[in-house]
Amino acid sequence: MQHKNPLEVVQAWQDAANSRNFERLMEISDPNIEVTGPRGSGHGHQLVREWLIRSGLIFKTLRLFARGDVVVVEQHGVWHSEETGKPTSEADFASHFRVEGDRVAQLARYDTLDVALEKAGLDYSDEVSSKG
């Protein structure tokens, strides 16, 4: 069985997260996905679902970096109120994804692109076109 390109998996993951297509999101998330952010880390589908519902986070890709099964995405995020759906805050940040097969196995959010690249073992030479 041929696996998808890790970049395609990450882009599909973000599309599913942004559209709140939780069925698709769970299909492309490892059942024991590790999620790390400013408030700590945890594992599993339920954590991902609850985090996205609670935060109302919508991702916009700014830049992409990839090598092997690792992808770093520089992003602009907008958080929305769970009650009203209105934006509550926004910021630029970077996310480090690790893909295993056709699923995201790890997601870590960092405040800066430089930190995400360092943690992922990537550098600016690993930038790829976001138009692909």
C-alpha atoms as a PDB file:
ATOM      1  CA  MET A   1       0.000   0.000   0.000  1.00  0.00           C
ATOM      2  CA  GLN A   2       1.398   3.361  -1.021  1.00  0.00           C
ATOM      3  CA  HIS A   3       1.193   6.113   1.582  1.00  0.00           C
ATOM      4  CA  LYS A   4       0.320   9.707   0.906  1.00  0.00           C
ATOM      5  CA  ASN A   5       2.941  12.392   1.070  1.00  0.00           C
ATOM      6  CA  PRO A   6       3.183  13.663   4.697  1.00  0.00           C
ATOM      7  CA  LEU A   7       2.570  17.212   3.447  1.00  0.00           C
ATOM      8  CA  GLU A   8      -0.740  16.102   1.888  1.00  0.00           C
ATOM      9  CA  VAL A   9      -1.730  14.383   5.140  1.00  0.00           C
ATOM     10  CA  VAL A  10      -1.034  17.539   7.170  1.00  0.00           C
ATOM     11  CA  GLN A  11      -2.923  19.730   4.717  1.00  0.00           C
ATOM     12  CA  ALA A  12      -5.900  17.328   4.821  1.00  0.00           C
ATOM     13  CA  TRP A  13      -5.713  17.316   8.638  1.00  0.00           C
ATOM     14  CA  GLN A  14      -5.838  21.113   8.771  1.00  0.00           C
ATOM     15  CA  ASP A  15      -8.689  21.255   6.257  1.00  0.00           C
ATOM     16  CA  ALA A  16     -10.696  18.770   8.345  1.00  0.00           C
ATOM     17  CA  ALA A  17      -9.917  20.700  11.550  1.00  0.00           C
ATOM     18  CA  ASN A  18     -10.927  24.039  10.001  1.00  0.00           C
ATOM     19  CA  SER A  19     -14.207  22.645   8.652  1.00  0.00           C
ATOM     20  CA  ARG A  20     -14.891  20.761  11.909  1.00  0.00           C
ATOM     21  CA  ASN A  21     -15.184  17.527   9.941  1.00  0.00           C
ATOM     22  CA  PHE A  22     -14.399  15.401  12.977  1.00  0.00           C
ATOM     23  CA  GLU A  23     -15.070  12.102  11.206  1.00  0.00           C
ATOM     24  CA  ARG A  24     -12.418  12.878   8.591  1.00  0.00           C
ATOM     25  CA  LEU A  25     -10.099  14.362  11.223  1.00  0.00           C
ATOM     26  CA  MET A  26     -10.182  11.139  13.235  1.00  0.00           C
ATOM     27  CA  GLU A  27      -9.517   9.054  10.096  1.00  0.00           C
ATOM     28  CA  ILE A  28      -6.258  10.922   9.518  1.00  0.00           C
ATOM     29  CA  SER A  29      -5.248  11.174  13.192  1.00  0.00           C
ATOM     30  CA  ASP A  30      -3.490   8.284  14.892  1.00  0.00           C
ATOM     31  CA  PRO A  31      -5.770   6.943  17.666  1.00  0.00           C
ATOM     32  CA  ASN A  32      -3.021   7.827  20.158  1.00  0.00           C
ATOM     33  CA  ILE A  33      -2.091  11.174  18.552  1.00  0.00           C
ATOM     34  CA  GLU A  34       0.120  13.261  20.822  1.00  0.00           C
ATOM     35  CA  VAL A  35      -0.857  16.926  21.083  1.00  0.00           C
ATOM     36  CA  THR A  36       1.463  19.428  22.767  1.00  0.00           C
ATOM     37  CA  GLY A  37       0.767  23.098  23.297  1.00  0.00           C
ATOM     38  CA  PRO A  38       1.215  25.946  25.744  1.00  0.00           C
ATOM     39  CA  ARG A  39      -1.004  24.231  28.332  1.00  0.00           C
ATOM     40  CA  GLY A  40       0.746  20.863  28.259  1.00  0.00           C
ATOM     41  CA  SER A  41       0.329  17.656  26.309  1.00  0.00           C
ATOM     42  CA  GLY A  42      -2.013  14.741  25.985  1.00  0.00           C
ATOM     43  CA  HIS A  43      -3.048  11.912  23.701  1.00  0.00           C
ATOM     44  CA  GLY A  44      -5.972  10.648  21.706  1.00  0.00           C
ATOM     45  CA  HIS A  45      -8.883  11.468  19.458  1.00  0.00           C
ATOM     46  CA  GLN A  46     -11.098  12.784  22.254  1.00  0.00           C
ATOM     47  CA  LEU A  47      -8.450  15.325  23.259  1.00  0.00           C
ATOM     48  CA  VAL A  48      -8.207  16.634  19.680  1.00  0.00           C
ATOM     49  CA  ARG A  49     -11.977  16.908  19.344  1.00  0.00           C
ATOM     50  CA  GLU A  50     -12.429  18.688  22.692  1.00  0.00           C
ATOM     51  CA  TRP A  51      -9.520  21.044  22.052  1.00  0.00           C
ATOM     52  CA  LEU A  52     -10.842  22.159  18.663  1.00  0.00           C
ATOM     53  CA  ILE A  53     -14.403  22.596  19.945  1.00  0.00           C
ATOM     54  CA  ARG A  54     -13.282  24.519  23.030  1.00  0.00           C
ATOM     55  CA  SER A  55     -10.739  26.733  21.249  1.00  0.00           C
ATOM     56  CA  GLY A  56     -12.640  27.339  18.034  1.00  0.00           C
ATOM     57  CA  LEU A  57      -9.221  27.584  16.379  1.00  0.00           C
ATOM     58  CA  ILE A  58      -9.089  28.112  12.618  1.00  0.00           C
ATOM     59  CA  PHE A  59      -5.690  27.706  10.933  1.00  0.00           C
ATOM     60  CA  LYS A  60      -4.385  29.655   7.936  1.00  0.00           C
ATOM     61  CA  THR A  61      -1.151  28.368   6.425  1.00  0.00           C
ATOM     62  CA  LEU A  62       1.557  30.971   5.877  1.00  0.00           C
ATOM     63  CA  ARG A  63       4.597  28.781   5.073  1.00  0.00           C
ATOM     64  CA  LEU A  64       5.363  25.053   4.853  1.00  0.00           C
ATOM     65  CA  PHE A  65       8.528  23.108   5.649  1.00  0.00           C
ATOM     66  CA  ALA A  66       8.951  19.361   5.222  1.00  0.00           C
ATOM     67  CA  ARG A  67      11.482  16.559   5.247  1.00  0.00           C
ATOM     68  CA  GLY A  68      10.681  12.871   5.551  1.00  0.00           C
ATOM     69  CA  ASP A  69       7.719  12.328   7.872  1.00  0.00           C
ATOM     70  CA  VAL A  70       8.063  15.757   9.525  1.00  0.00           C
ATOM     71  CA  VAL A  71       6.142  18.879   8.529  1.00  0.00           C
ATOM     72  CA  VAL A  72       6.269  22.346  10.089  1.00  0.00           C
ATOM     73  CA  VAL A  73       3.567  24.838   9.238  1.00  0.00           C
ATOM     74  CA  GLU A  74       3.865  28.527  10.005  1.00  0.00           C
ATOM     75  CA  GLN A  75       0.294  29.610  10.642  1.00  0.00           C
ATOM     76  CA  HIS A  76      -2.035  32.420  11.522  1.00  0.00           C
ATOM     77  CA  GLY A  77      -4.630  31.225  13.967  1.00  0.00           C
ATOM     78  CA  VAL A  78      -7.931  32.772  14.937  1.00  0.00           C
ATOM     79  CA  TRP A  79      -9.662  31.524  18.071  1.00  0.00           C
ATOM     80  CA  HIS A  80     -13.469  31.725  18.253  1.00  0.00           C
ATOM     81  CA  SER A  81     -15.887  31.704  21.162  1.00  0.00           C
ATOM     82  CA  GLU A  82     -17.557  28.326  21.622  1.00  0.00           C
ATOM     83  CA  GLU A  83     -20.785  30.128  22.616  1.00  0.00           C
ATOM     84  CA  THR A  84     -21.004  32.889  20.000  1.00  0.00           C
ATOM     85  CA  GLY A  85     -18.636  31.774  17.245  1.00  0.00           C
ATOM     86  CA  LYS A  86     -17.120  35.265  17.212  1.00  0.00           C
ATOM     87  CA  PRO A  87     -13.330  35.707  17.115  1.00  0.00           C
ATOM     88  CA  THR A  88     -11.745  36.123  20.546  1.00  0.00           C
ATOM     89  CA  SER A  89      -8.047  36.390  19.639  1.00  0.00           C
ATOM     90  CA  GLU A  90      -5.524  35.740  16.908  1.00  0.00           C
ATOM     91  CA  ALA A  91      -1.805  35.137  16.587  1.00  0.00           C
ATOM     92  CA  ASP A  92       0.929  33.773  14.367  1.00  0.00           C
ATOM     93  CA  PHE A  93       2.557  30.529  15.520  1.00  0.00           C
ATOM     94  CA  ALA A  94       4.040  27.345  14.081  1.00  0.00           C
ATOM     95  CA  SER A  95       3.016  23.712  14.353  1.00  0.00           C
ATOM     96  CA  HIS A  96       5.268  20.661  14.097  1.00  0.00           C
ATOM     97  CA  PHE A  97       3.540  17.549  12.732  1.00  0.00           C
ATOM     98  CA  ARG A  98       4.909  14.010  12.564  1.00  0.00           C
ATOM     99  CA  VAL A  99       3.138  11.694  10.132  1.00  0.00           C
ATOM    100  CA  GLU A 100       3.155   7.902  10.347  1.00  0.00           C
ATOM    101  CA  GLY A 101       1.658   6.189   7.326  1.00  0.00           C
ATOM    102  CA  ASP A 102      -1.376   8.249   6.373  1.00  0.00           C
ATOM    103  CA  ARG A 103      -2.048   9.656   9.841  1.00  0.00           C
ATOM    104  CA  VAL A 104      -0.857  12.519  11.996  1.00  0.00           C
ATOM    105  CA  ALA A 105       0.836  10.909  15.002  1.00  0.00           C
ATOM    106  CA  GLN A 106       2.101  14.060  16.685  1.00  0.00           C
ATOM    107  CA  LEU A 107       1.207  17.743  16.707  1.00  0.00           C
ATOM    108  CA  ALA A 108       3.113  20.335  18.724  1.00  0.00           C
ATOM    109  CA  ARG A 109       2.372  24.053  18.693  1.00  0.00           C
ATOM    110  CA  TYR A 110       5.110  26.629  19.248  1.00  0.00           C
ATOM    111  CA  ASP A 111       5.045  30.408  19.544  1.00  0.00           C
ATOM    112  CA  THR A 112       7.665  30.905  16.834  1.00  0.00           C
ATOM    113  CA  LEU A 113       8.685  29.308  13.571  1.00  0.00           C
ATOM    114  CA  ASP A 114      12.333  29.148  14.644  1.00  0.00           C
ATOM    115  CA  VAL A 115      11.505  27.043  17.715  1.00  0.00           C
ATOM    116  CA  ALA A 116       9.230  24.720  15.716  1.00  0.00           C
ATOM    117  CA  LEU A 117      11.902  24.177  13.074  1.00  0.00           C
ATOM    118  CA  GLU A 118      14.538  23.486  15.718  1.00  0.00           C
ATOM    119  CA  LYS A 119      12.321  20.984  17.569  1.00  0.00           C
ATOM    120  CA  ALA A 120      11.457  19.281  14.275  1.00  0.00           C
ATOM    121  CA  GLY A 121      15.082  19.084  13.123  1.00  0.00           C
ATOM    122  CA  LEU A 122      14.314  21.213  10.069  1.00  0.00           C
ATOM    123  CA  ASP A 123      15.662  24.517   8.800  1.00  0.00           C
ATOM    124  CA  TYR A 124      14.779  27.181   6.256  1.00  0.00           C
ATOM    125  CA  SER A 125      16.212  25.078   3.412  1.00  0.00           C
ATOM    126  CA  ASP A 126      13.297  22.651   3.973  1.00  0.00           C
ATOM    127  CA  GLU A 127      10.687  25.207   2.883  1.00  0.00           C
ATOM    128  CA  VAL A 128       8.274  23.972   0.229  1.00  0.00           C
ATOM    129  CA  SER A 129       5.709  25.806  -1.862  1.00  0.00           C
ATOM    130  CA  SER A 130       2.323  26.167  -0.193  1.00  0.00           C
ATOM    131  CA  LYS A 131       0.717  26.276  -3.637  1.00  0.00           C
ATOM    132  CA  GLY A 132       1.359  22.559  -4.240  1.00  0.00           C
END
